[in-house]
Amino acid sequence: MRLTRQTNYAMRILMYCAANTERLSRIPEIAAAYSVSELFLFKILQPLVEHGLVETVRGRNGGVRLGRPAEQISLFDVVRVTEESFAMAECPLVDSCVLNSALREALNAFFAVLSRYTIADLVAARPNVRHLLGIDMLEQRAPAA
């Protein structure tokens, strides 16, 4: 199974927001952390917002944050929102071919594994994720309110 770059970066956006719970995340910061264009991230953000995985806050001090707790966002939730199709190759002998059944079973197993992991699991697996993403440095530079 091959996932798109869109899914990869959607998970990264969510991980960034999960690691940055103290304040709103800004797209320029996320883009810099992952060395990707802001325009690309804005494109990815739209389906995440539409499905309630991310919330946007407009205005001068606006940004993005998780739409629900990281523990409640499974990797399957992200894949379902960002991938367009999971159509498998069909066997020409449709009714008598076991290939279709095997591929469907494999796809269901793939989804079952993704359902067991959350964005919180990904962030917890890297205790220094805030440092790696540069979040700690951003907070140190921010003036006290």
C-alpha atoms as a PDB file:
ATOM      1  CA  MET A   1       0.000   0.000   0.000  1.00  0.00           C
ATOM      2  CA  ARG A   2       1.383   3.387  -0.943  1.00  0.00           C
ATOM      3  CA  LEU A   3       0.081   6.577   0.645  1.00  0.00           C
ATOM      4  CA  THR A   4       0.332  10.003  -0.954  1.00  0.00           C
ATOM      5  CA  ARG A   5       2.513  12.902   0.169  1.00  0.00           C
ATOM      6  CA  GLN A   6      -0.726  14.618   1.149  1.00  0.00           C
ATOM      7  CA  THR A   7      -1.442  11.920   3.747  1.00  0.00           C
ATOM      8  CA  ASN A   8       2.141  11.997   4.981  1.00  0.00           C
ATOM      9  CA  TYR A   9       2.046  15.748   5.554  1.00  0.00           C
ATOM     10  CA  ALA A  10      -1.478  15.671   6.972  1.00  0.00           C
ATOM     11  CA  MET A  11      -0.151  13.369   9.689  1.00  0.00           C
ATOM     12  CA  ARG A  12       2.797  15.710  10.190  1.00  0.00           C
ATOM     13  CA  ILE A  13       0.500  18.742  10.580  1.00  0.00           C
ATOM     14  CA  LEU A  14      -1.506  16.860  13.192  1.00  0.00           C
ATOM     15  CA  MET A  15       1.650  15.719  14.990  1.00  0.00           C
ATOM     16  CA  TYR A  16       2.926  19.297  15.081  1.00  0.00           C
ATOM     17  CA  CYS A  17      -0.351  20.534  16.552  1.00  0.00           C
ATOM     18  CA  ALA A  18      -0.387  17.672  19.075  1.00  0.00           C
ATOM     19  CA  ALA A  19       3.130  18.552  20.203  1.00  0.00           C
ATOM     20  CA  ASN A  20       2.277  22.256  20.353  1.00  0.00           C
ATOM     21  CA  THR A  21      -0.676  22.311  22.730  1.00  0.00           C
ATOM     22  CA  GLU A  22       0.440  25.463  24.568  1.00  0.00           C
ATOM     23  CA  ARG A  23      -0.490  27.780  21.702  1.00  0.00           C
ATOM     24  CA  LEU A  24      -1.899  27.887  18.187  1.00  0.00           C
ATOM     25  CA  SER A  25       0.319  26.505  15.444  1.00  0.00           C
ATOM     26  CA  ARG A  26       0.983  28.668  12.428  1.00  0.00           C
ATOM     27  CA  ILE A  27       1.332  27.310   8.916  1.00  0.00           C
ATOM     28  CA  PRO A  28       4.654  29.142   8.264  1.00  0.00           C
ATOM     29  CA  GLU A  29       6.133  27.473  11.370  1.00  0.00           C
ATOM     30  CA  ILE A  30       4.883  24.039  10.346  1.00  0.00           C
ATOM     31  CA  ALA A  31       6.160  24.546   6.794  1.00  0.00           C
ATOM     32  CA  ALA A  32       9.584  25.539   8.118  1.00  0.00           C
ATOM     33  CA  ALA A  33       9.711  22.572  10.500  1.00  0.00           C
ATOM     34  CA  TYR A  34       9.111  20.125   7.650  1.00  0.00           C
ATOM     35  CA  SER A  35      10.823  22.085   4.840  1.00  0.00           C
ATOM     36  CA  VAL A  36       7.716  22.185   2.675  1.00  0.00           C
ATOM     37  CA  SER A  37       5.806  25.035   1.039  1.00  0.00           C
ATOM     38  CA  GLU A  38       3.056  26.851   2.896  1.00  0.00           C
ATOM     39  CA  LEU A  39       0.815  26.594  -0.175  1.00  0.00           C
ATOM     40  CA  PHE A  40       1.099  22.798  -0.098  1.00  0.00           C
ATOM     41  CA  LEU A  41       0.161  22.735   3.592  1.00  0.00           C
ATOM     42  CA  PHE A  42      -2.840  25.022   3.029  1.00  0.00           C
ATOM     43  CA  LYS A  43      -4.088  22.579   0.388  1.00  0.00           C
ATOM     44  CA  ILE A  44      -3.754  19.680   2.832  1.00  0.00           C
ATOM     45  CA  LEU A  45      -5.376  21.633   5.645  1.00  0.00           C
ATOM     46  CA  GLN A  46      -8.726  22.011   3.882  1.00  0.00           C
ATOM     47  CA  PRO A  47      -9.947  18.377   4.195  1.00  0.00           C
ATOM     48  CA  LEU A  48      -8.592  18.198   7.748  1.00  0.00           C
ATOM     49  CA  VAL A  49     -10.715  21.207   8.696  1.00  0.00           C
ATOM     50  CA  GLU A  50     -13.776  19.942   6.803  1.00  0.00           C
ATOM     51  CA  HIS A  51     -13.682  16.661   8.752  1.00  0.00           C
ATOM     52  CA  GLY A  52     -13.043  18.249  12.157  1.00  0.00           C
ATOM     53  CA  LEU A  53      -9.497  16.983  12.620  1.00  0.00           C
ATOM     54  CA  VAL A  54      -8.152  20.545  12.716  1.00  0.00           C
ATOM     55  CA  GLU A  55      -9.701  23.881  13.687  1.00  0.00           C
ATOM     56  CA  THR A  56      -8.586  27.234  12.326  1.00  0.00           C
ATOM     57  CA  VAL A  57      -8.590  30.479  14.254  1.00  0.00           C
ATOM     58  CA  ARG A  58      -8.576  33.582  12.092  1.00  0.00           C
ATOM     59  CA  GLY A  59      -7.027  36.931  12.840  1.00  0.00           C
ATOM     60  CA  ARG A  60      -3.685  38.435  13.626  1.00  0.00           C
ATOM     61  CA  ASN A  61      -2.908  35.892  16.338  1.00  0.00           C
ATOM     62  CA  GLY A  62      -4.666  33.069  14.499  1.00  0.00           C
ATOM     63  CA  GLY A  63      -3.447  29.645  13.607  1.00  0.00           C
ATOM     64  CA  VAL A  64      -4.492  26.021  13.726  1.00  0.00           C
ATOM     65  CA  ARG A  65      -5.038  23.462  16.460  1.00  0.00           C
ATOM     66  CA  LEU A  66      -6.386  19.953  16.726  1.00  0.00           C
ATOM     67  CA  GLY A  67     -10.135  19.673  16.299  1.00  0.00           C
ATOM     68  CA  ARG A  68     -10.282  16.962  18.952  1.00  0.00           C
ATOM     69  CA  PRO A  69      -7.775  15.379  21.349  1.00  0.00           C
ATOM     70  CA  ALA A  70      -4.833  13.636  19.681  1.00  0.00           C
ATOM     71  CA  GLU A  71      -5.846  10.421  21.448  1.00  0.00           C
ATOM     72  CA  GLN A  72      -9.097  10.492  19.470  1.00  0.00           C
ATOM     73  CA  ILE A  73      -7.552  10.909  16.006  1.00  0.00           C
ATOM     74  CA  SER A  74      -6.533   7.566  14.548  1.00  0.00           C
ATOM     75  CA  LEU A  75      -4.192   7.210  11.608  1.00  0.00           C
ATOM     76  CA  PHE A  76      -7.106   5.603   9.781  1.00  0.00           C
ATOM     77  CA  ASP A  77      -9.119   8.821  10.316  1.00  0.00           C
ATOM     78  CA  VAL A  78      -6.357  10.749   8.542  1.00  0.00           C
ATOM     79  CA  VAL A  79      -5.986   8.274   5.692  1.00  0.00           C
ATOM     80  CA  ARG A  80      -9.728   8.148   5.117  1.00  0.00           C
ATOM     81  CA  VAL A  81      -9.830  11.957   4.798  1.00  0.00           C
ATOM     82  CA  THR A  82      -6.745  12.435   2.629  1.00  0.00           C
ATOM     83  CA  GLU A  83      -6.659   9.473   0.257  1.00  0.00           C
ATOM     84  CA  GLU A  84      -8.976   9.565  -2.729  1.00  0.00           C
ATOM     85  CA  SER A  85      -9.310   5.896  -3.520  1.00  0.00           C
ATOM     86  CA  PHE A  86      -8.393   2.462  -2.307  1.00  0.00           C
ATOM     87  CA  ALA A  87      -9.522   0.680  -5.436  1.00  0.00           C
ATOM     88  CA  MET A  88      -7.658  -2.567  -5.842  1.00  0.00           C
ATOM     89  CA  ALA A  89      -6.776  -4.245  -9.098  1.00  0.00           C
ATOM     90  CA  GLU A  90      -9.647  -6.467 -10.112  1.00  0.00           C
ATOM     91  CA  CYS A  91      -9.061  -9.989 -11.284  1.00  0.00           C
ATOM     92  CA  PRO A  92     -10.562 -10.604 -14.757  1.00  0.00           C
ATOM     93  CA  LEU A  93     -12.090 -13.846 -13.489  1.00  0.00           C
ATOM     94  CA  VAL A  94     -14.154 -11.818 -10.987  1.00  0.00           C
ATOM     95  CA  ASP A  95     -16.443 -14.531  -9.625  1.00  0.00           C
ATOM     96  CA  SER A  96     -13.961 -17.388  -9.574  1.00  0.00           C
ATOM     97  CA  CYS A  97     -10.795 -15.496  -8.580  1.00  0.00           C
ATOM     98  CA  VAL A  98      -9.535 -15.555  -5.009  1.00  0.00           C
ATOM     99  CA  LEU A  99      -7.287 -12.559  -5.735  1.00  0.00           C
ATOM    100  CA  ASN A 100     -10.100 -10.035  -5.142  1.00  0.00           C
ATOM    101  CA  SER A 101     -10.897 -11.589  -1.783  1.00  0.00           C
ATOM    102  CA  ALA A 102      -7.224 -11.685  -0.758  1.00  0.00           C
ATOM    103  CA  LEU A 103      -6.673  -8.046  -1.725  1.00  0.00           C
ATOM    104  CA  ARG A 104      -9.810  -6.942   0.134  1.00  0.00           C
ATOM    105  CA  GLU A 105      -8.656  -8.862   3.218  1.00  0.00           C
ATOM    106  CA  ALA A 106      -5.203  -7.252   3.013  1.00  0.00           C
ATOM    107  CA  LEU A 107      -6.727  -3.780   2.714  1.00  0.00           C
ATOM    108  CA  ASN A 108      -8.973  -4.403   5.720  1.00  0.00           C
ATOM    109  CA  ALA A 109      -5.945  -5.573   7.737  1.00  0.00           C
ATOM    110  CA  PHE A 110      -4.103  -2.386   6.733  1.00  0.00           C
ATOM    111  CA  PHE A 111      -7.042  -0.260   7.920  1.00  0.00           C
ATOM    112  CA  ALA A 112      -7.307  -2.244  11.162  1.00  0.00           C
ATOM    113  CA  VAL A 113      -3.671  -1.528  12.028  1.00  0.00           C
ATOM    114  CA  LEU A 114      -4.052   2.180  11.225  1.00  0.00           C
ATOM    115  CA  SER A 115      -7.130   2.284  13.464  1.00  0.00           C
ATOM    116  CA  ARG A 116      -5.071   1.074  16.438  1.00  0.00           C
ATOM    117  CA  TYR A 117      -2.642   4.010  16.338  1.00  0.00           C
ATOM    118  CA  THR A 118      -3.384   7.653  17.112  1.00  0.00           C
ATOM    119  CA  ILE A 119      -1.640  10.961  16.544  1.00  0.00           C
ATOM    120  CA  ALA A 120      -0.899  10.944  20.287  1.00  0.00           C
ATOM    121  CA  ASP A 121       0.931   7.612  19.849  1.00  0.00           C
ATOM    122  CA  LEU A 122       3.157   9.118  17.154  1.00  0.00           C
ATOM    123  CA  VAL A 123       4.035  12.129  19.299  1.00  0.00           C
ATOM    124  CA  ALA A 124       4.601  10.023  22.434  1.00  0.00           C
ATOM    125  CA  ALA A 125       6.987   7.761  20.516  1.00  0.00           C
ATOM    126  CA  ARG A 126       9.360  10.729  20.131  1.00  0.00           C
ATOM    127  CA  PRO A 127       9.762  12.390  23.555  1.00  0.00           C
ATOM    128  CA  ASN A 128      11.927  15.131  22.017  1.00  0.00           C
ATOM    129  CA  VAL A 129       9.501  15.889  19.164  1.00  0.00           C
ATOM    130  CA  ARG A 130       8.990  19.498  20.339  1.00  0.00           C
ATOM    131  CA  HIS A 131      12.735  20.108  20.084  1.00  0.00           C
ATOM    132  CA  LEU A 132      13.020  18.334  16.723  1.00  0.00           C
ATOM    133  CA  LEU A 133      10.215  20.480  15.278  1.00  0.00           C
ATOM    134  CA  GLY A 134      11.649  23.710  16.699  1.00  0.00           C
ATOM    135  CA  ILE A 135       8.604  24.382  18.888  1.00  0.00           C
ATOM    136  CA  ASP A 136      10.684  24.887  22.027  1.00  0.00           C
ATOM    137  CA  MET A 137      12.792  27.543  20.287  1.00  0.00           C
ATOM    138  CA  LEU A 138       9.676  29.385  19.086  1.00  0.00           C
ATOM    139  CA  GLU A 139       8.349  29.554  22.635  1.00  0.00           C
ATOM    140  CA  GLN A 140      11.668  30.838  23.970  1.00  0.00           C
ATOM    141  CA  ARG A 141      11.654  33.659  21.388  1.00  0.00           C
ATOM    142  CA  ALA A 142       8.019  34.634  21.990  1.00  0.00           C
ATOM    143  CA  PRO A 143       7.618  37.723  24.197  1.00  0.00           C
ATOM    144  CA  ALA A 144       5.776  37.167  27.470  1.00  0.00           C
ATOM    145  CA  ALA A 145       2.176  38.339  27.293  1.00  0.00           C
END
